[in-house]
Amino acid sequence: MAREEEIRLIERAKHGHADAFRELVETYQDRLAAFVWKMVRNHHEVEDLCQNAFVKAYESLGSYSSNYAFSTWLFTIAYRMCLNHLRKKKAISGDTDFSYIGSGEPDASVSLAASEEAQRLRDLIWAAVDTLTPPQKSAVLLFYREGQSCQEIGVVLGIPAVTVKSHLHRAREKLRKLLSVELAEDWLSVRNLGESSGA
């Protein structure tokens, strides 16, 4: 969604147009659900947390600043809710299912990605990601899945960008120890250049 369209919808939603906010929900619900799922790993909890995040966002629209992307603001709300939920729960449980998390249009690479070996490697990587601390895991998800900069991630997590870089560095080191060196390097190198130039 274009930034101008997003701001237009937010302004309409602020003035009580429910259809405008519904369009924002439809735009971000899958990405938000994927992020929350990685944090809590329980489908019922994901549904509740996402619904609560959207309700909180709607109720707080008056405090939204157009200095930030709506997605950054929304993910900040969801992240805080997830942390509160995890603190109350005291433990993370559930099976890992990443099959529905996609990032775009299908193309020729989908066939390769769907292969048994690719699925095994993907499961191995995300199982390792699940062992990270909540801030490390969130930084990894927002950086690799959402393509956010360290500055944007810092806004979501409420920490300086330099601390985000530290979380990413520690996460990579832990993943390198958990995974074979070759597998970790293949996966992590995809965005390393982007971080050094745009983070």
Protein backbone atom coordinates (compact mmCIF):
# COMPACT_ATOMS: atom_id res chain seq x y z
CA MET A 1 0.00 0.00 0.00
CA ALA A 2 1.31 3.43 -0.96
CA ARG A 3 2.22 5.73 1.92
CA GLU A 4 -0.20 8.41 0.72
CA GLU A 5 -3.07 5.91 0.62
CA GLU A 6 -2.17 4.62 4.08
CA ILE A 7 -2.23 8.15 5.55
CA ARG A 8 -5.54 8.85 3.80
CA LEU A 9 -7.08 5.72 5.33
CA ILE A 10 -5.75 6.57 8.78
CA GLU A 11 -7.23 10.07 8.59
CA ARG A 12 -10.60 8.65 7.53
CA ALA A 13 -10.44 6.06 10.33
CA LYS A 14 -9.69 8.82 12.85
CA HIS A 15 -12.95 10.46 11.77
CA GLY A 16 -14.99 7.33 12.44
CA HIS A 17 -14.96 5.62 9.03
CA ALA A 18 -14.83 1.95 10.03
CA ASP A 19 -14.38 0.83 6.41
CA ALA A 20 -11.06 2.73 6.24
CA PHE A 21 -9.69 0.96 9.31
CA ARG A 22 -11.01 -2.36 8.00
CA GLU A 23 -8.88 -1.82 4.90
CA LEU A 24 -5.82 -1.24 7.07
CA VAL A 25 -6.59 -4.44 8.97
CA GLU A 26 -6.90 -6.41 5.74
CA THR A 27 -3.60 -4.99 4.52
CA TYR A 28 -1.59 -5.91 7.62
CA GLN A 29 -3.38 -8.83 9.25
CA ASP A 30 -1.32 -11.60 7.59
CA ARG A 31 2.04 -9.96 8.30
CA LEU A 32 1.03 -9.22 11.89
CA ALA A 33 -0.25 -12.77 12.42
CA ALA A 34 3.03 -14.19 11.08
CA PHE A 35 5.03 -12.00 13.46
CA VAL A 36 2.85 -12.80 16.50
CA TRP A 37 2.86 -16.52 15.63
CA LYS A 38 6.65 -16.57 15.75
CA MET A 39 6.52 -14.99 19.20
CA VAL A 40 3.84 -17.12 20.87
CA ARG A 41 3.49 -20.22 18.63
CA ASN A 42 -0.17 -20.87 19.42
CA HIS A 43 -2.89 -20.28 16.82
CA HIS A 44 -5.62 -19.36 19.35
CA GLU A 45 -3.33 -16.91 21.12
CA VAL A 46 -2.27 -15.40 17.78
CA GLU A 47 -5.89 -14.66 16.89
CA ASP A 48 -6.57 -13.03 20.26
CA LEU A 49 -3.34 -11.02 20.33
CA CYS A 50 -3.79 -9.75 16.78
CA GLN A 51 -7.39 -8.78 17.44
CA ASN A 52 -6.34 -6.99 20.63
CA ALA A 53 -3.51 -5.22 18.79
CA PHE A 54 -5.87 -3.94 16.11
CA VAL A 55 -8.42 -2.84 18.73
CA LYS A 56 -5.70 -1.02 20.66
CA ALA A 57 -4.46 0.59 17.43
CA TYR A 58 -7.98 1.75 16.56
CA GLU A 59 -8.56 3.16 20.03
CA SER A 60 -5.16 4.91 19.95
CA LEU A 61 -5.32 6.36 16.44
CA GLY A 62 -5.31 9.85 17.92
CA SER A 63 -1.76 9.27 19.18
CA TYR A 64 -0.46 7.88 15.88
CA SER A 65 2.31 9.98 14.34
CA SER A 66 2.75 9.98 10.57
CA ASN A 67 6.51 10.24 11.20
CA TYR A 68 6.40 6.44 11.38
CA ALA A 69 4.91 3.88 9.04
CA PHE A 70 1.60 2.51 10.31
CA SER A 71 3.12 -0.99 10.21
CA THR A 72 5.94 0.08 12.56
CA TRP A 73 3.43 1.55 15.00
CA LEU A 74 1.19 -1.53 14.76
CA PHE A 75 4.10 -3.93 15.28
CA THR A 76 5.16 -1.92 18.33
CA ILE A 77 1.73 -2.43 19.88
CA ALA A 78 1.74 -6.15 19.02
CA TYR A 79 5.30 -6.65 20.29
CA ARG A 80 4.45 -5.15 23.69
CA MET A 81 1.32 -7.30 23.91
CA CYS A 82 3.35 -10.41 23.06
CA LEU A 83 5.94 -9.61 25.74
CA ASN A 84 3.24 -9.08 28.34
CA HIS A 85 1.57 -12.32 27.27
CA LEU A 86 4.86 -14.26 27.44
CA ARG A 87 5.66 -12.84 30.86
CA LYS A 88 2.28 -13.99 32.14
CA LYS A 89 2.57 -17.38 30.50
CA LYS A 90 6.16 -17.89 31.72
CA ALA A 91 6.81 -20.46 28.99
CA ILE A 92 6.50 -20.86 25.25
CA SER A 93 4.91 -24.03 23.93
CA GLY A 94 3.44 -25.42 20.75
CA ASP A 95 4.48 -26.98 17.48
CA THR A 96 6.20 -24.96 14.83
CA ASP A 97 4.29 -24.44 11.59
CA PHE A 98 5.74 -21.94 9.16
CA SER A 99 3.98 -23.20 6.05
CA TYR A 100 1.59 -20.25 5.70
CA ILE A 101 4.15 -17.50 6.12
CA GLY A 102 4.78 -16.15 2.65
CA SER A 103 6.17 -12.94 1.32
CA GLY A 104 4.77 -12.33 -2.13
CA GLU A 105 3.77 -13.53 -5.53
CA PRO A 106 4.44 -17.16 -6.50
CA ASP A 107 7.19 -17.66 -9.05
CA ALA A 108 9.53 -20.34 -10.30
CA SER A 109 11.36 -20.44 -6.97
CA VAL A 110 8.21 -21.64 -5.18
CA SER A 111 8.66 -25.12 -6.59
CA LEU A 112 12.20 -25.30 -5.27
CA ALA A 113 11.21 -23.84 -1.89
CA ALA A 114 8.44 -26.41 -1.58
CA SER A 115 10.82 -29.31 -2.07
CA GLU A 116 11.34 -31.68 0.81
CA GLU A 117 14.97 -30.67 1.34
CA ALA A 118 14.19 -26.96 1.30
CA GLN A 119 11.40 -27.55 3.84
CA ARG A 120 13.75 -29.51 6.08
CA LEU A 121 16.35 -26.73 5.98
CA ARG A 122 13.71 -24.05 6.61
CA ASP A 123 12.37 -25.99 9.59
CA LEU A 124 15.89 -26.36 10.95
CA ILE A 125 16.57 -22.64 10.64
CA TRP A 126 13.31 -21.52 12.26
CA ALA A 127 13.64 -24.10 15.03
CA ALA A 128 16.99 -22.48 15.81
CA VAL A 129 15.41 -19.00 15.67
CA ASP A 130 12.85 -20.18 18.23
CA THR A 131 15.66 -20.66 20.77
CA LEU A 132 16.58 -16.96 20.72
CA THR A 133 15.49 -14.53 23.43
CA PRO A 134 12.28 -12.56 22.63
CA PRO A 135 14.18 -9.35 21.72
CA GLN A 136 16.66 -11.28 19.54
CA LYS A 137 13.89 -13.25 17.88
CA SER A 138 11.86 -10.09 17.23
CA ALA A 139 14.89 -8.32 15.76
CA VAL A 140 15.57 -11.27 13.44
CA LEU A 141 11.93 -11.51 12.34
CA LEU A 142 11.55 -7.81 11.69
CA PHE A 143 14.89 -7.58 9.89
CA TYR A 144 14.70 -10.71 7.73
CA ARG A 145 10.94 -11.22 7.34
CA GLU A 146 9.69 -7.63 7.32
CA GLY A 147 12.75 -6.00 5.79
CA GLN A 148 12.81 -3.28 8.44
CA SER A 149 15.94 -1.25 9.16
CA CYS A 150 17.65 -1.29 12.55
CA GLN A 151 16.22 2.18 13.16
CA GLU A 152 12.64 0.96 12.48
CA ILE A 153 13.16 -2.15 14.60
CA GLY A 154 14.44 0.06 17.41
CA VAL A 155 11.15 1.97 17.33
CA VAL A 156 9.16 -1.28 17.54
CA LEU A 157 11.25 -2.74 20.37
CA GLY A 158 11.72 0.57 22.19
CA ILE A 159 15.53 0.37 22.09
CA PRO A 160 18.32 2.26 20.28
CA ALA A 161 19.31 1.10 16.79
CA VAL A 162 22.76 0.19 18.10
CA THR A 163 21.14 -2.25 20.55
CA VAL A 164 19.16 -3.76 17.67
CA LYS A 165 22.44 -4.33 15.83
CA SER A 166 23.79 -5.99 18.96
CA HIS A 167 20.74 -8.27 19.18
CA LEU A 168 21.14 -9.20 15.51
CA HIS A 169 24.86 -9.89 16.00
CA ARG A 170 24.25 -12.09 19.05
CA ALA A 171 21.40 -13.88 17.29
CA ARG A 172 23.63 -14.64 14.29
CA GLU A 173 26.39 -15.94 16.55
CA LYS A 174 23.96 -18.22 18.35
CA LEU A 175 22.47 -19.44 15.06
CA ARG A 176 25.93 -20.14 13.68
CA LYS A 177 26.63 -22.36 16.68
CA LEU A 178 23.30 -24.16 16.39
CA LEU A 179 23.39 -24.68 12.63
CA SER A 180 26.11 -25.95 10.37
CA VAL A 181 28.41 -23.12 9.32
CA GLU A 182 27.48 -23.52 5.67
CA LEU A 183 23.71 -23.41 6.32
CA ALA A 184 23.94 -20.40 8.61
CA GLU A 185 26.14 -18.45 6.20
CA ASP A 186 23.80 -19.15 3.27
CA TRP A 187 20.76 -17.91 5.17
CA LEU A 188 22.32 -14.93 6.90
CA SER A 189 24.24 -13.57 3.92
CA VAL A 190 21.02 -12.72 2.09
CA ARG A 191 20.53 -9.51 4.08
CA ASN A 192 23.99 -8.88 5.54
CA LEU A 193 24.85 -6.53 2.67
CA GLY A 194 21.57 -4.67 3.15
CA GLU A 195 22.30 -4.18 6.84
CA SER A 196 25.80 -2.83 6.28
CA SER A 197 24.56 -0.35 3.69
CA GLY A 198 21.11 0.62 4.95
CA ALA A 199 20.89 -0.16 8.66
